[in-house]
Amino acid sequence: MKNLLLIIALTSVSLVSAQAFKGKGDQKFQVGANIQDEATGINASYDYGLGDNLSVGISSTYALGVDDIFDADFGDRFDLKARFNANLGSVLNIDENFDFYPGLSLSLKNFGGHIGARYFFSDGFGIFTEAAFPLAKYDEDKADIGNYIHNQFTVNIGATFNI
């Protein structure tokens, strides 16, 4: 009986087909940690597939652990971005569960870029990592805490879900 259950379990696991990016109409939700100098926080993003390798979405970051030397209010801690991704997982053909996506973003604080990767373990759940960086800052004022927090290199890491 144990052998039969083991065979059924292994067969059902092998039939699970996760795909990192399915193209037009594909929807992804990601949530994770945002890591940067002087602050750590949470990041959430949503992407919607426009075509075989293109997606658009939104991303938001809220800095929770801002160093005590800064007096940061809600507006300083919060940023919202519109984003555009080129989903290259199918082009690179590494694994159908893997997606690599460079992209551009337009936020409340800057115009920037990001490079990300996600890997799905099942049809609905995976992990992601993303590196984001500003390309053009709206304001160079270093005394503005919000500009300082959101105008630097950041790394996001967390869970991704198919919706």
C-alpha atoms as a PDB file:
ATOM      1  CA  MET A   1       0.000   0.000   0.000  1.00  0.00           C
ATOM      2  CA  LYS A   2       2.849   2.386   0.852  1.00  0.00           C
ATOM      3  CA  ASN A   3       4.470   1.708  -2.523  1.00  0.00           C
ATOM      4  CA  LEU A   4       1.196   2.423  -4.331  1.00  0.00           C
ATOM      5  CA  LEU A   5       0.791   5.742  -2.486  1.00  0.00           C
ATOM      6  CA  LEU A   6       4.406   6.646  -3.272  1.00  0.00           C
ATOM      7  CA  ILE A   7       3.903   5.900  -6.987  1.00  0.00           C
ATOM      8  CA  ILE A   8       0.689   7.971  -7.081  1.00  0.00           C
ATOM      9  CA  ALA A   9       2.403  10.879  -5.284  1.00  0.00           C
ATOM     10  CA  LEU A  10       5.423  10.846  -7.606  1.00  0.00           C
ATOM     11  CA  THR A  11       3.223  10.613 -10.697  1.00  0.00           C
ATOM     12  CA  SER A  12       1.008  13.504  -9.601  1.00  0.00           C
ATOM     13  CA  VAL A  13       4.050  15.675  -8.830  1.00  0.00           C
ATOM     14  CA  SER A  14       5.510  14.957 -12.263  1.00  0.00           C
ATOM     15  CA  LEU A  15       2.224  15.992 -13.908  1.00  0.00           C
ATOM     16  CA  VAL A  16       2.249  19.416 -12.254  1.00  0.00           C
ATOM     17  CA  SER A  17       3.290  21.861 -14.937  1.00  0.00           C
ATOM     18  CA  ALA A  18       4.307  25.280 -13.726  1.00  0.00           C
ATOM     19  CA  GLN A  19       5.040  27.939 -16.268  1.00  0.00           C
ATOM     20  CA  ALA A  20       6.716  31.175 -15.281  1.00  0.00           C
ATOM     21  CA  PHE A  21       5.134  33.447 -17.912  1.00  0.00           C
ATOM     22  CA  LYS A  22       2.256  32.327 -20.121  1.00  0.00           C
ATOM     23  CA  GLY A  23       1.905  35.443 -22.280  1.00  0.00           C
ATOM     24  CA  LYS A  24      -1.197  37.524 -22.997  1.00  0.00           C
ATOM     25  CA  GLY A  25      -3.570  37.652 -20.039  1.00  0.00           C
ATOM     26  CA  ASP A  26      -1.077  36.137 -17.586  1.00  0.00           C
ATOM     27  CA  GLN A  27      -1.252  37.697 -14.118  1.00  0.00           C
ATOM     28  CA  LYS A  28       1.420  37.630 -11.427  1.00  0.00           C
ATOM     29  CA  PHE A  29       1.376  38.969  -7.869  1.00  0.00           C
ATOM     30  CA  GLN A  30       4.615  39.261  -5.906  1.00  0.00           C
ATOM     31  CA  VAL A  31       5.250  40.216  -2.297  1.00  0.00           C
ATOM     32  CA  GLY A  32       8.534  40.311  -0.468  1.00  0.00           C
ATOM     33  CA  ALA A  33      11.252  42.153   1.377  1.00  0.00           C
ATOM     34  CA  ASN A  34      12.842  45.346   0.065  1.00  0.00           C
ATOM     35  CA  ILE A  35      16.501  45.663   1.076  1.00  0.00           C
ATOM     36  CA  GLN A  36      18.538  48.874   0.682  1.00  0.00           C
ATOM     37  CA  ASP A  37      20.896  51.248   2.509  1.00  0.00           C
ATOM     38  CA  GLU A  38      19.415  52.996   5.543  1.00  0.00           C
ATOM     39  CA  ALA A  39      16.037  51.200   5.237  1.00  0.00           C
ATOM     40  CA  THR A  40      14.316  47.860   4.793  1.00  0.00           C
ATOM     41  CA  GLY A  41      10.692  47.363   3.925  1.00  0.00           C
ATOM     42  CA  ILE A  42       8.071  45.497   1.967  1.00  0.00           C
ATOM     43  CA  ASN A  43       7.465  45.404  -1.765  1.00  0.00           C
ATOM     44  CA  ALA A  44       4.364  44.274  -3.628  1.00  0.00           C
ATOM     45  CA  SER A  45       3.887  44.142  -7.388  1.00  0.00           C
ATOM     46  CA  TYR A  46       1.329  43.039  -9.952  1.00  0.00           C
ATOM     47  CA  ASP A  47       2.088  42.247 -13.611  1.00  0.00           C
ATOM     48  CA  TYR A  48      -0.339  41.658 -16.472  1.00  0.00           C
ATOM     49  CA  GLY A  49       0.744  39.980 -19.727  1.00  0.00           C
ATOM     50  CA  LEU A  50       0.153  41.992 -22.903  1.00  0.00           C
ATOM     51  CA  GLY A  51       1.756  39.552 -25.313  1.00  0.00           C
ATOM     52  CA  ASP A  52       4.070  36.563 -25.578  1.00  0.00           C
ATOM     53  CA  ASN A  53       6.956  38.383 -23.881  1.00  0.00           C
ATOM     54  CA  LEU A  54       5.581  41.738 -22.655  1.00  0.00           C
ATOM     55  CA  SER A  55       3.869  42.713 -19.436  1.00  0.00           C
ATOM     56  CA  VAL A  56       2.865  45.897 -17.614  1.00  0.00           C
ATOM     57  CA  GLY A  57       2.070  46.389 -13.978  1.00  0.00           C
ATOM     58  CA  ILE A  58       2.389  48.334 -10.767  1.00  0.00           C
ATOM     59  CA  SER A  59       4.787  48.051  -7.882  1.00  0.00           C
ATOM     60  CA  SER A  60       4.769  49.642  -4.458  1.00  0.00           C
ATOM     61  CA  THR A  61       7.385  49.841  -1.744  1.00  0.00           C
ATOM     62  CA  TYR A  62       6.982  50.905   1.859  1.00  0.00           C
ATOM     63  CA  ALA A  63      10.125  51.411   3.942  1.00  0.00           C
ATOM     64  CA  LEU A  64       9.554  50.031   7.441  1.00  0.00           C
ATOM     65  CA  GLY A  65      12.991  49.934   9.042  1.00  0.00           C
ATOM     66  CA  VAL A  66      14.267  53.449   8.345  1.00  0.00           C
ATOM     67  CA  ASP A  67      17.393  54.346  10.325  1.00  0.00           C
ATOM     68  CA  ASP A  68      16.754  56.483  13.399  1.00  0.00           C
ATOM     69  CA  ILE A  69      18.840  59.356  12.017  1.00  0.00           C
ATOM     70  CA  PHE A  70      15.989  60.068   9.557  1.00  0.00           C
ATOM     71  CA  ASP A  71      12.639  61.517  10.521  1.00  0.00           C
ATOM     72  CA  ALA A  72      10.598  59.789   7.813  1.00  0.00           C
ATOM     73  CA  ASP A  73       6.841  60.201   7.530  1.00  0.00           C
ATOM     74  CA  PHE A  74       4.417  58.165   5.368  1.00  0.00           C
ATOM     75  CA  GLY A  75       5.167  60.141   2.180  1.00  0.00           C
ATOM     76  CA  ASP A  76       8.892  59.576   2.642  1.00  0.00           C
ATOM     77  CA  ARG A  77       8.464  55.844   3.162  1.00  0.00           C
ATOM     78  CA  PHE A  78       5.996  55.131   0.319  1.00  0.00           C
ATOM     79  CA  ASP A  79       6.644  54.843  -3.423  1.00  0.00           C
ATOM     80  CA  LEU A  80       4.400  53.696  -6.272  1.00  0.00           C
ATOM     81  CA  LYS A  81       5.646  52.643  -9.731  1.00  0.00           C
ATOM     82  CA  ALA A  82       4.157  51.843 -13.106  1.00  0.00           C
ATOM     83  CA  ARG A  83       6.308  49.161 -14.745  1.00  0.00           C
ATOM     84  CA  PHE A  84       6.996  47.556 -18.098  1.00  0.00           C
ATOM     85  CA  ASN A  85       8.705  44.145 -18.398  1.00  0.00           C
ATOM     86  CA  ALA A  86      10.241  42.137 -21.210  1.00  0.00           C
ATOM     87  CA  ASN A  87       9.656  38.541 -20.068  1.00  0.00           C
ATOM     88  CA  LEU A  88      12.510  36.578 -21.620  1.00  0.00           C
ATOM     89  CA  GLY A  89      12.119  33.167 -19.979  1.00  0.00           C
ATOM     90  CA  SER A  90      10.732  31.520 -23.124  1.00  0.00           C
ATOM     91  CA  VAL A  91      13.360  33.234 -25.300  1.00  0.00           C
ATOM     92  CA  LEU A  92      16.249  32.038 -23.117  1.00  0.00           C
ATOM     93  CA  ASN A  93      14.630  28.577 -22.847  1.00  0.00           C
ATOM     94  CA  ILE A  94      16.414  27.680 -19.601  1.00  0.00           C
ATOM     95  CA  ASP A  95      13.410  26.056 -17.924  1.00  0.00           C
ATOM     96  CA  GLU A  96       9.663  26.555 -18.444  1.00  0.00           C
ATOM     97  CA  ASN A  97       9.376  27.371 -14.717  1.00  0.00           C
ATOM     98  CA  PHE A  98      11.958  30.192 -14.956  1.00  0.00           C
ATOM     99  CA  ASP A  99      11.385  33.757 -16.136  1.00  0.00           C
ATOM    100  CA  PHE A 100      14.022  36.479 -16.521  1.00  0.00           C
ATOM    101  CA  TYR A 101      12.612  39.979 -16.968  1.00  0.00           C
ATOM    102  CA  PRO A 102      14.425  43.279 -17.417  1.00  0.00           C
ATOM    103  CA  GLY A 103      12.183  46.320 -17.329  1.00  0.00           C
ATOM    104  CA  LEU A 104      11.598  50.024 -16.848  1.00  0.00           C
ATOM    105  CA  SER A 105       9.558  51.833 -14.221  1.00  0.00           C
ATOM    106  CA  LEU A 106       8.108  55.287 -13.708  1.00  0.00           C
ATOM    107  CA  SER A 107       7.586  56.087 -10.037  1.00  0.00           C
ATOM    108  CA  LEU A 108       6.592  58.980  -7.810  1.00  0.00           C
ATOM    109  CA  LYS A 109      10.313  59.475  -7.046  1.00  0.00           C
ATOM    110  CA  ASN A 110      12.212  58.599 -10.267  1.00  0.00           C
ATOM    111  CA  PHE A 111      12.447  56.912 -13.637  1.00  0.00           C
ATOM    112  CA  GLY A 112      14.254  53.623 -13.177  1.00  0.00           C
ATOM    113  CA  GLY A 113      15.059  50.149 -14.321  1.00  0.00           C
ATOM    114  CA  HIS A 114      14.925  46.691 -12.836  1.00  0.00           C
ATOM    115  CA  ILE A 115      16.178  43.203 -13.569  1.00  0.00           C
ATOM    116  CA  GLY A 116      14.289  40.295 -12.095  1.00  0.00           C
ATOM    117  CA  ALA A 117      13.952  36.550 -12.108  1.00  0.00           C
ATOM    118  CA  ARG A 118      11.248  34.235 -10.845  1.00  0.00           C
ATOM    119  CA  TYR A 119      10.997  30.491 -10.529  1.00  0.00           C
ATOM    120  CA  PHE A 120       7.747  28.587 -10.026  1.00  0.00           C
ATOM    121  CA  PHE A 121       7.652  25.363  -8.002  1.00  0.00           C
ATOM    122  CA  SER A 122       4.009  24.712  -8.852  1.00  0.00           C
ATOM    123  CA  ASP A 123       1.333  26.250 -11.058  1.00  0.00           C
ATOM    124  CA  GLY A 124       0.540  28.890  -8.445  1.00  0.00           C
ATOM    125  CA  PHE A 125       3.623  29.486  -6.271  1.00  0.00           C
ATOM    126  CA  GLY A 126       7.223  30.475  -6.777  1.00  0.00           C
ATOM    127  CA  ILE A 127      10.008  32.773  -5.617  1.00  0.00           C
ATOM    128  CA  PHE A 128      11.403  35.940  -7.142  1.00  0.00           C
ATOM    129  CA  THR A 129      14.300  38.335  -6.820  1.00  0.00           C
ATOM    130  CA  GLU A 130      14.628  41.755  -8.358  1.00  0.00           C
ATOM    131  CA  ALA A 131      17.313  44.445  -8.455  1.00  0.00           C
ATOM    132  CA  ALA A 132      16.044  47.995  -9.040  1.00  0.00           C
ATOM    133  CA  PHE A 133      17.997  51.166  -9.740  1.00  0.00           C
ATOM    134  CA  PRO A 134      17.203  54.799 -10.595  1.00  0.00           C
ATOM    135  CA  LEU A 135      18.073  56.046 -14.088  1.00  0.00           C
ATOM    136  CA  ALA A 136      16.840  59.644 -13.652  1.00  0.00           C
ATOM    137  CA  LYS A 137      15.902  61.313 -10.362  1.00  0.00           C
ATOM    138  CA  TYR A 138      13.199  63.968 -10.257  1.00  0.00           C
ATOM    139  CA  ASP A 139      14.904  65.837  -7.446  1.00  0.00           C
ATOM    140  CA  GLU A 140      18.564  65.771  -6.373  1.00  0.00           C
ATOM    141  CA  ASP A 141      17.806  67.279  -2.928  1.00  0.00           C
ATOM    142  CA  LYS A 142      19.615  64.933  -0.515  1.00  0.00           C
ATOM    143  CA  ALA A 143      17.859  66.573   2.439  1.00  0.00           C
ATOM    144  CA  ASP A 144      14.532  65.139   1.215  1.00  0.00           C
ATOM    145  CA  ILE A 145      14.389  61.789   3.027  1.00  0.00           C
ATOM    146  CA  GLY A 146      11.862  60.265   0.577  1.00  0.00           C
ATOM    147  CA  ASN A 147      14.097  61.021  -2.390  1.00  0.00           C
ATOM    148  CA  TYR A 148      17.082  59.548  -0.577  1.00  0.00           C
ATOM    149  CA  ILE A 149      15.286  56.333   0.413  1.00  0.00           C
ATOM    150  CA  HIS A 150      13.764  55.618  -3.010  1.00  0.00           C
ATOM    151  CA  ASN A 151      16.610  56.831  -5.250  1.00  0.00           C
ATOM    152  CA  GLN A 152      19.173  54.125  -4.647  1.00  0.00           C
ATOM    153  CA  PHE A 153      19.957  50.552  -5.655  1.00  0.00           C
ATOM    154  CA  THR A 154      17.510  48.108  -4.019  1.00  0.00           C
ATOM    155  CA  VAL A 155      16.990  44.356  -3.931  1.00  0.00           C
ATOM    156  CA  ASN A 156      13.593  42.698  -3.563  1.00  0.00           C
ATOM    157  CA  ILE A 157      13.177  39.034  -2.695  1.00  0.00           C
ATOM    158  CA  GLY A 158      10.049  37.073  -1.896  1.00  0.00           C
ATOM    159  CA  ALA A 159       7.139  34.959  -3.114  1.00  0.00           C
ATOM    160  CA  THR A 160       5.338  35.133  -6.452  1.00  0.00           C
ATOM    161  CA  PHE A 161       1.871  33.839  -7.258  1.00  0.00           C
ATOM    162  CA  ASN A 162      -0.120  33.146 -10.432  1.00  0.00           C
ATOM    163  CA  ILE A 163      -3.542  34.769 -10.236  1.00  0.00           C
END
